[in-house]
Every structure is written in structure tokens, then in C-alpha cells.
Amino acid sequence: MPEGHSVHRLARQFGDVFAGQRLAVSSPQGRFADGAALLDARTLLSTVAHGKHMFLHFDNGLALHVHLGLYGAWDFGGDATFRGASSIGAPRKVGEREVFDDGATDPGAGGGPEYTGPPAPVGAVRVRLAGAHGWADLRGATTCHAITEAEADAVLARLGPDPLRNLPGDKEGFVSGVRARKTPLAALLMDQKVIAGVGNVYRAELLFRQGLDPWLPGRSLGADAAGGLWEDTVAMMSDGVRDGRIITTPPRYWTEPGAGLPAPGESHFVYRRHGLDCRICGSPVALTDLGARKLYWCPVCQQGS
């Protein structure tokens, strides 16, 4: 499932390529036909991401609410001026990239015949948004609804603070929310009512970087440690928005630190490294299941509270 940084990248991209435009909204698959009719020919005013939820706000007081879930993905394409990533979401595609390279040819933009509009939809396209220079197709999302602003506010009210929004009071709300629970930290970080946008990769890497025992009850975590956990989450996820990837290791752990971003196998401390030596202490990285998700951690380095 795409984590919060990908959803924020999506919201930023929609704002960059479609904000202020009157969009053609359709549902080639047919499952979103009623919602598409409500949004068709309306102007996109703004885009908001909160955790793993995205809201596209239109000029008629309605919003397109999307949660990608495990299988949702947006595909983009357009003319030579369209600067949209080819695809963001899951399942991942061979050759997918979330950072546009001005020196490369984008699969959906430029280098071809004159742009005459979106191509015929391929597969089960739940919703298509089309503007003056490009389009975006949504497939496989868990949530895709046209809702009122009040309904959007109600969704936000059910979610915890988003580190990538980091609004006033969010840090304090996270600290108090964590310290009020006896649930293990590893479960709390995946609870979207406690903190919005953290997924399995960030969960494992945050706990490792903070040296925290995944099974430590939230109420046993000191206020300073909880505040430090929030601040590291803000920093790590902000890096993810910038890089288009989750990278949690510093350059000293990379084979070619001056070459840009690290190889995938050098990007993380513990995630998907079970059985391999911990990068810090050399002990084997452990793996277990917690809440039906895989948890990676170092039993030696992560004993702190």
C-alpha cells in the first residue's frame, strides 16, 4: 500500500498539472458513473492529502475522495508540456518512476504525434480526469467517492495528525495519543487514528532509528522520546516526498554516496533485511508478524524506551 509520502506527491502533482482547470470527469468502467457526473466540467480548485487519503476539491462544493488501498494506482499522460509522473501507486509497474526527468522521454508525454486528447482507456479505469494538456486514470482504489466538504471534514476528523502537514498542535496530539495507550508502539504507528500516513516501511525504520522496542507499550514511552519519534517521522517522510522513495539510511551506508540516491538494497536499516546483519551492531535482523503485517527489527539495537 502506498504510504503517506506517495499520496502527498500525488496531491502535489494534481495541483501542479490540473489546478484551475475545468476537467472532463468520466468513469470508463462505469462504477463511478454517478460521481463522475457530479464532477464533470467542474474546475479543480485545490488538492489535499492527509495520511493515505487524497481530496480533490472542485468549484461546486464537492470533493473527489480517494484512498488507493493495496491495489490502487493513478496513471498519467499528456502532451509535451505535461509534467506528470507516469504512474504513482500500487501495484508497481516495471519502469515506473515518480520523479520526472527532464532529460528523459516520459511514457505518456512528448516525443510523439500532436496531442489530441486521452487515448482509449485500457482496463478497469474507475475514473478519468482530463484537462487541457493531459489526463489521469484511476484503477483499483479502495475508496473513490464524490463527497461534500462536510463529509470530507468528517473523514479528516477520524484520522490522526499527518506528519507531512505538521499543523500546530499535531506533535502534542501525537505525543498525548501515544502515551495514553497500552498498545505496543509497532501497532500504534500503523493506527491511522494515532498518526496518519505511516505504513509498514516507515514503521520499521522509525522504530529502528529511534532505538525503540516495537513491543513497548505507548504509555511507557517518555514524552521526550515520543516527541523525538514525531520529529523523525516528519523528517523521514518529508525526505520521501522529495526523493519519491523511502530512504532511511544516510550516505555513509551507500556504496556510491556521491551518485545520487542509493541502490534499493542500501536504502533501509531493517525493512526486508531479516536474517542479514544489522548495519549498526551486526546482529541478525529479526522478522515476525504483528497485526497481520510483517515487522522487521533488531533485537539488540531496539531495546530503548
Protein backbone atom coordinates (compact mmCIF):
# COMPACT_ATOMS: atom_id res chain seq x y z
CA MET A 1 0.00 0.00 0.00
CA PRO A 2 1.40 3.43 -0.89
CA GLU A 3 2.49 5.28 2.23
CA GLY A 4 1.83 8.91 3.05
CA HIS A 5 4.70 10.39 1.09
CA SER A 6 3.34 8.93 -2.17
CA VAL A 7 -0.13 10.33 -1.52
CA HIS A 8 1.32 13.77 -0.83
CA ARG A 9 3.28 13.53 -4.08
CA LEU A 10 0.03 12.68 -5.84
CA ALA A 11 -1.77 15.66 -4.34
CA ARG A 12 1.08 17.97 -5.31
CA GLN A 13 1.09 16.58 -8.83
CA PHE A 14 -2.65 17.03 -9.28
CA GLY A 15 -2.29 20.60 -8.10
CA ASP A 16 0.61 21.24 -10.47
CA VAL A 17 -0.98 19.84 -13.63
CA PHE A 18 -4.74 20.32 -13.13
CA ALA A 19 -5.48 23.07 -10.56
CA GLY A 20 -7.55 25.90 -12.02
CA GLN A 21 -8.69 23.82 -14.99
CA ARG A 22 -12.18 22.73 -15.92
CA LEU A 23 -11.85 18.96 -16.10
CA ALA A 24 -13.70 16.29 -18.02
CA VAL A 25 -14.51 13.60 -15.48
CA SER A 26 -15.74 10.19 -16.59
CA SER A 27 -15.91 6.60 -15.41
CA PRO A 28 -14.98 4.30 -18.31
CA GLN A 29 -15.53 1.27 -16.10
CA GLY A 30 -18.95 2.57 -15.03
CA ARG A 31 -18.60 2.01 -11.27
CA PHE A 32 -18.16 5.73 -10.61
CA ALA A 33 -20.63 7.00 -13.21
CA ASP A 34 -22.88 8.88 -10.76
CA GLY A 35 -19.94 10.55 -9.04
CA ALA A 36 -18.30 11.43 -12.34
CA ALA A 37 -21.50 13.15 -13.49
CA LEU A 38 -21.40 15.36 -10.38
CA LEU A 39 -17.79 16.43 -11.04
CA ASP A 40 -17.72 16.59 -14.83
CA ALA A 41 -16.96 20.03 -16.33
CA ARG A 42 -16.19 21.47 -12.90
CA THR A 43 -12.99 23.37 -12.04
CA LEU A 44 -10.43 21.80 -9.74
CA LEU A 45 -9.65 24.32 -7.00
CA SER A 46 -7.23 22.54 -4.71
CA THR A 47 -5.84 19.19 -3.63
CA VAL A 48 -5.27 17.99 -0.09
CA ALA A 49 -3.52 14.87 1.17
CA HIS A 50 -3.91 13.64 4.72
CA GLY A 51 -2.25 10.36 5.55
CA LYS A 52 -3.23 7.90 2.86
CA HIS A 53 -6.32 9.88 1.80
CA MET A 54 -6.47 12.43 -1.01
CA PHE A 55 -9.18 15.01 -1.66
CA LEU A 56 -9.60 16.90 -4.94
CA HIS A 57 -11.79 19.92 -4.25
CA PHE A 58 -13.99 21.26 -7.05
CA ASP A 59 -15.81 24.55 -7.52
CA ASN A 60 -19.27 23.10 -6.82
CA GLY A 61 -18.55 22.28 -3.17
CA LEU A 62 -17.77 18.62 -3.85
CA ALA A 63 -14.54 16.69 -3.50
CA LEU A 64 -13.22 13.52 -5.06
CA HIS A 65 -12.08 11.37 -2.13
CA VAL A 66 -9.59 8.62 -2.99
CA HIS A 67 -7.82 6.04 -0.86
CA LEU A 68 -5.64 3.78 -3.02
CA GLY A 69 -5.54 0.82 -0.64
CA LEU A 70 -3.44 -2.17 -1.63
CA TYR A 71 -4.14 -2.17 -5.34
CA GLY A 72 -4.99 1.37 -6.38
CA ALA A 73 -2.85 3.38 -8.79
CA TRP A 74 -3.02 6.55 -10.86
CA ASP A 75 -1.61 6.62 -14.40
CA PHE A 76 -0.83 9.93 -16.10
CA GLY A 77 -0.15 11.04 -19.65
CA GLY A 78 -0.40 14.04 -21.92
CA ASP A 79 1.34 16.29 -24.39
CA ALA A 80 4.93 17.54 -24.40
CA THR A 81 4.14 20.22 -21.79
CA PHE A 82 2.54 17.79 -19.34
CA ARG A 83 4.85 17.16 -16.40
CA GLY A 84 3.09 14.32 -14.66
CA ALA A 85 4.81 11.19 -13.41
CA SER A 86 3.84 8.18 -15.48
CA SER A 87 2.34 6.28 -12.55
CA ILE A 88 2.02 6.54 -8.79
CA GLY A 89 0.50 3.87 -6.59
CA ALA A 90 0.35 0.13 -6.40
CA PRO A 91 0.82 -2.41 -7.83
CA ARG A 92 4.17 -1.14 -9.00
CA LYS A 93 5.00 -1.38 -12.67
CA VAL A 94 8.25 -2.19 -14.40
CA GLY A 95 9.81 1.12 -15.33
CA GLU A 96 7.55 3.19 -13.09
CA ARG A 97 9.13 6.37 -11.81
CA GLU A 98 7.75 9.05 -9.54
CA VAL A 99 10.31 11.75 -10.40
CA PHE A 100 10.09 13.38 -13.81
CA ASP A 101 13.46 13.57 -15.56
CA ASP A 102 13.62 16.49 -17.98
CA GLY A 103 16.32 14.68 -19.93
CA ALA A 104 14.26 11.56 -20.50
CA THR A 105 11.20 10.70 -22.52
CA ASP A 106 8.15 10.19 -20.35
CA PRO A 107 5.96 7.21 -21.38
CA GLY A 108 2.91 9.46 -21.60
CA ALA A 109 4.34 12.79 -22.67
CA GLY A 110 6.18 14.36 -25.57
CA GLY A 111 8.17 12.96 -28.43
CA GLY A 112 5.15 11.64 -30.31
CA PRO A 113 2.29 12.84 -32.51
CA GLU A 114 0.39 16.04 -31.76
CA TYR A 115 -1.75 15.63 -28.66
CA THR A 116 -5.42 15.21 -29.47
CA GLY A 117 -6.68 14.10 -26.08
CA PRO A 118 -6.54 11.00 -23.91
CA PRO A 119 -6.25 7.60 -25.57
CA ALA A 120 -8.94 4.97 -25.26
CA PRO A 121 -8.98 3.67 -21.67
CA VAL A 122 -7.26 0.36 -21.03
CA GLY A 123 -8.54 -1.99 -18.34
CA ALA A 124 -10.87 -1.17 -15.48
CA VAL A 125 -10.49 2.61 -15.23
CA ARG A 126 -12.65 3.72 -12.32
CA VAL A 127 -12.34 7.42 -13.04
CA ARG A 128 -10.60 9.52 -15.67
CA LEU A 129 -9.77 13.20 -15.23
CA ALA A 130 -8.81 15.04 -18.42
CA GLY A 131 -7.55 18.59 -18.75
CA ALA A 132 -6.14 20.78 -21.48
CA HIS A 133 -2.78 19.03 -21.70
CA GLY A 134 -3.13 15.61 -20.05
CA TRP A 135 -5.15 13.04 -18.20
CA ALA A 136 -5.12 10.85 -15.10
CA ASP A 137 -6.67 7.38 -14.82
CA LEU A 138 -7.51 5.66 -11.53
CA ARG A 139 -7.69 1.89 -11.17
CA GLY A 140 -8.22 -0.45 -8.23
CA ALA A 141 -8.72 2.08 -5.43
CA THR A 142 -10.32 1.05 -2.15
CA THR A 143 -12.20 4.37 -1.92
CA CYS A 144 -13.39 6.58 -4.77
CA HIS A 145 -16.34 8.83 -3.87
CA ALA A 146 -17.70 12.26 -4.69
CA ILE A 147 -18.44 13.80 -1.28
CA THR A 148 -19.39 17.13 0.23
CA GLU A 149 -16.95 19.37 2.06
CA ALA A 150 -18.67 18.46 5.33
CA GLU A 151 -18.17 14.77 4.58
CA ALA A 152 -14.51 15.41 3.78
CA ASP A 153 -14.13 17.17 7.11
CA ALA A 154 -15.71 14.17 8.84
CA VAL A 155 -13.13 11.84 7.26
CA LEU A 156 -10.31 14.10 8.43
CA ALA A 157 -11.76 14.22 11.94
CA ARG A 158 -11.42 10.44 12.20
CA LEU A 159 -7.72 10.50 11.30
CA GLY A 160 -4.72 11.22 13.46
CA PRO A 161 -2.23 14.01 12.73
CA ASP A 162 -0.31 13.83 9.46
CA PRO A 163 3.46 14.41 9.87
CA LEU A 164 3.62 15.86 6.36
CA ARG A 165 1.10 18.53 7.22
CA ASN A 166 2.58 19.02 10.70
CA LEU A 167 -0.06 21.52 11.72
CA PRO A 168 0.06 23.44 15.01
CA GLY A 169 -0.74 21.07 17.85
CA ASP A 170 -0.09 17.92 15.80
CA LYS A 171 3.07 16.96 17.67
CA GLU A 172 1.37 17.42 21.03
CA GLY A 173 -1.64 15.45 19.84
CA PHE A 174 0.57 12.57 18.71
CA VAL A 175 2.53 12.53 21.96
CA SER A 176 -0.58 12.50 24.13
CA GLY A 177 -2.31 9.96 21.90
CA VAL A 178 0.58 7.51 22.04
CA ARG A 179 1.18 7.91 25.76
CA ALA A 180 -2.50 7.31 26.54
CA ARG A 181 -2.42 3.78 25.12
CA LYS A 182 -1.03 0.49 26.39
CA THR A 183 -0.85 -0.84 22.81
CA PRO A 184 2.68 -1.69 21.54
CA LEU A 185 4.40 1.10 19.63
CA ALA A 186 4.66 -1.03 16.49
CA ALA A 187 0.86 -1.27 16.40
CA LEU A 188 0.27 2.37 17.30
CA LEU A 189 2.39 3.62 14.39
CA MET A 190 0.15 1.68 11.99
CA ASP A 191 -3.05 3.03 13.57
CA GLN A 192 -4.24 5.82 11.27
CA LYS A 193 -6.24 7.32 14.13
CA VAL A 194 -3.00 7.84 16.05
CA ILE A 195 -0.78 9.00 13.18
CA ALA A 196 -1.85 9.25 9.55
CA GLY A 197 0.29 8.09 6.65
CA VAL A 198 2.78 5.73 8.29
CA GLY A 199 2.90 2.27 6.72
CA ASN A 200 4.95 -0.85 7.19
CA VAL A 201 8.23 0.51 5.81
CA TYR A 202 8.20 3.72 7.80
CA ARG A 203 7.06 1.86 10.93
CA ALA A 204 10.05 -0.49 10.90
CA GLU A 205 12.58 2.18 10.02
CA LEU A 206 11.34 4.76 12.52
CA LEU A 207 11.45 2.34 15.43
CA PHE A 208 14.96 1.28 14.45
CA ARG A 209 16.27 4.82 14.02
CA GLN A 210 14.88 5.78 17.41
CA GLY A 211 16.17 2.57 19.03
CA LEU A 212 12.71 1.72 20.32
CA ASP A 213 11.43 -1.71 21.33
CA PRO A 214 8.50 -2.46 18.99
CA TRP A 215 6.57 -4.08 21.87
CA LEU A 216 6.97 -1.17 24.28
CA PRO A 217 3.51 -0.01 25.40
CA GLY A 218 2.75 3.52 24.27
CA ARG A 219 2.08 4.67 27.82
CA SER A 220 5.60 3.57 28.79
CA LEU A 221 7.22 5.90 26.26
CA GLY A 222 8.54 9.13 27.73
CA ALA A 223 7.23 12.44 26.45
CA ASP A 224 10.63 13.48 25.10
CA ALA A 225 11.06 10.15 23.30
CA ALA A 226 7.56 10.41 21.82
CA GLY A 227 8.32 13.93 20.62
CA GLY A 228 11.56 12.70 19.06
CA LEU A 229 9.66 9.95 17.28
CA TRP A 230 7.26 12.51 15.80
CA GLU A 231 10.09 14.76 14.65
CA ASP A 232 11.94 11.90 12.98
CA THR A 233 8.72 10.88 11.24
CA VAL A 234 8.30 14.41 9.88
CA ALA A 235 11.89 14.44 8.62
CA MET A 236 11.87 10.94 7.13
CA MET A 237 8.54 11.32 5.33
CA SER A 238 9.50 14.77 4.03
CA ASP A 239 12.58 13.15 2.50
CA GLY A 240 10.26 10.59 0.90
CA VAL A 241 8.21 13.33 -0.74
CA ARG A 242 11.38 14.91 -2.09
CA ASP A 243 13.03 11.69 -3.28
CA GLY A 244 9.98 9.73 -4.45
CA ARG A 245 11.34 6.78 -2.45
CA ILE A 246 11.63 5.75 1.17
CA ILE A 247 15.31 6.15 2.02
CA THR A 248 16.19 5.95 5.70
CA THR A 249 19.95 5.31 5.65
CA PRO A 250 22.48 8.17 5.47
CA PRO A 251 25.03 8.29 2.60
CA ARG A 252 27.78 6.65 4.66
CA TYR A 253 25.94 3.35 4.22
CA TRP A 254 25.78 3.64 0.41
CA THR A 255 28.28 2.08 -1.96
CA GLU A 256 28.36 5.24 -4.11
CA PRO A 257 27.34 8.12 -1.84
CA GLY A 258 28.11 10.72 -4.49
CA ALA A 259 25.99 9.12 -7.20
CA GLY A 260 22.63 10.45 -6.06
CA LEU A 261 20.16 8.03 -4.45
CA PRO A 262 21.29 4.65 -3.07
CA ALA A 263 20.65 1.23 -4.55
CA PRO A 264 17.40 -0.30 -3.24
CA GLY A 265 19.31 -2.78 -1.08
CA GLU A 266 21.08 0.07 0.69
CA SER A 267 18.01 2.24 1.36
CA HIS A 268 16.82 0.76 4.66
CA PHE A 269 18.19 -0.31 8.03
CA VAL A 270 15.88 -3.25 8.77
CA TYR A 271 12.92 -3.39 6.36
CA ARG A 272 13.10 -6.61 4.31
CA ARG A 273 16.56 -7.33 5.73
CA HIS A 274 15.57 -10.23 8.01
CA GLY A 275 18.45 -12.61 8.58
CA LEU A 276 21.00 -10.07 7.37
CA ASP A 277 23.46 -8.36 9.67
CA CYS A 278 22.23 -5.20 11.37
CA ARG A 279 24.04 -2.24 9.84
CA ILE A 280 24.86 -0.95 13.35
CA CYS A 281 25.59 -3.92 15.62
CA GLY A 282 25.99 -6.84 13.21
CA SER A 283 23.29 -8.99 14.83
CA PRO A 284 20.72 -10.68 12.56
CA VAL A 285 17.68 -8.58 11.74
CA ALA A 286 14.55 -10.29 13.08
CA LEU A 287 11.15 -10.80 11.47
CA THR A 288 7.75 -11.58 12.94
CA ASP A 289 4.08 -10.83 12.30
CA LEU A 290 2.23 -8.12 14.20
CA GLY A 291 -1.31 -7.18 13.34
CA ALA A 292 -1.22 -9.26 10.14
CA ARG A 293 1.78 -7.27 8.87
CA LYS A 294 5.46 -8.20 8.83
CA LEU A 295 7.59 -6.46 11.44
CA TYR A 296 11.35 -6.11 10.99
CA TRP A 297 13.59 -5.06 13.88
CA CYS A 298 16.98 -5.51 15.53
CA PRO A 299 16.62 -7.17 18.96
CA VAL A 300 19.96 -5.72 20.07
CA CYS A 301 19.66 -2.12 18.91
CA GLN A 302 15.98 -1.71 19.72
CA GLN A 303 15.76 -2.08 23.47
CA GLY A 304 15.18 1.55 24.32
CA SER A 305 12.17 3.34 25.74
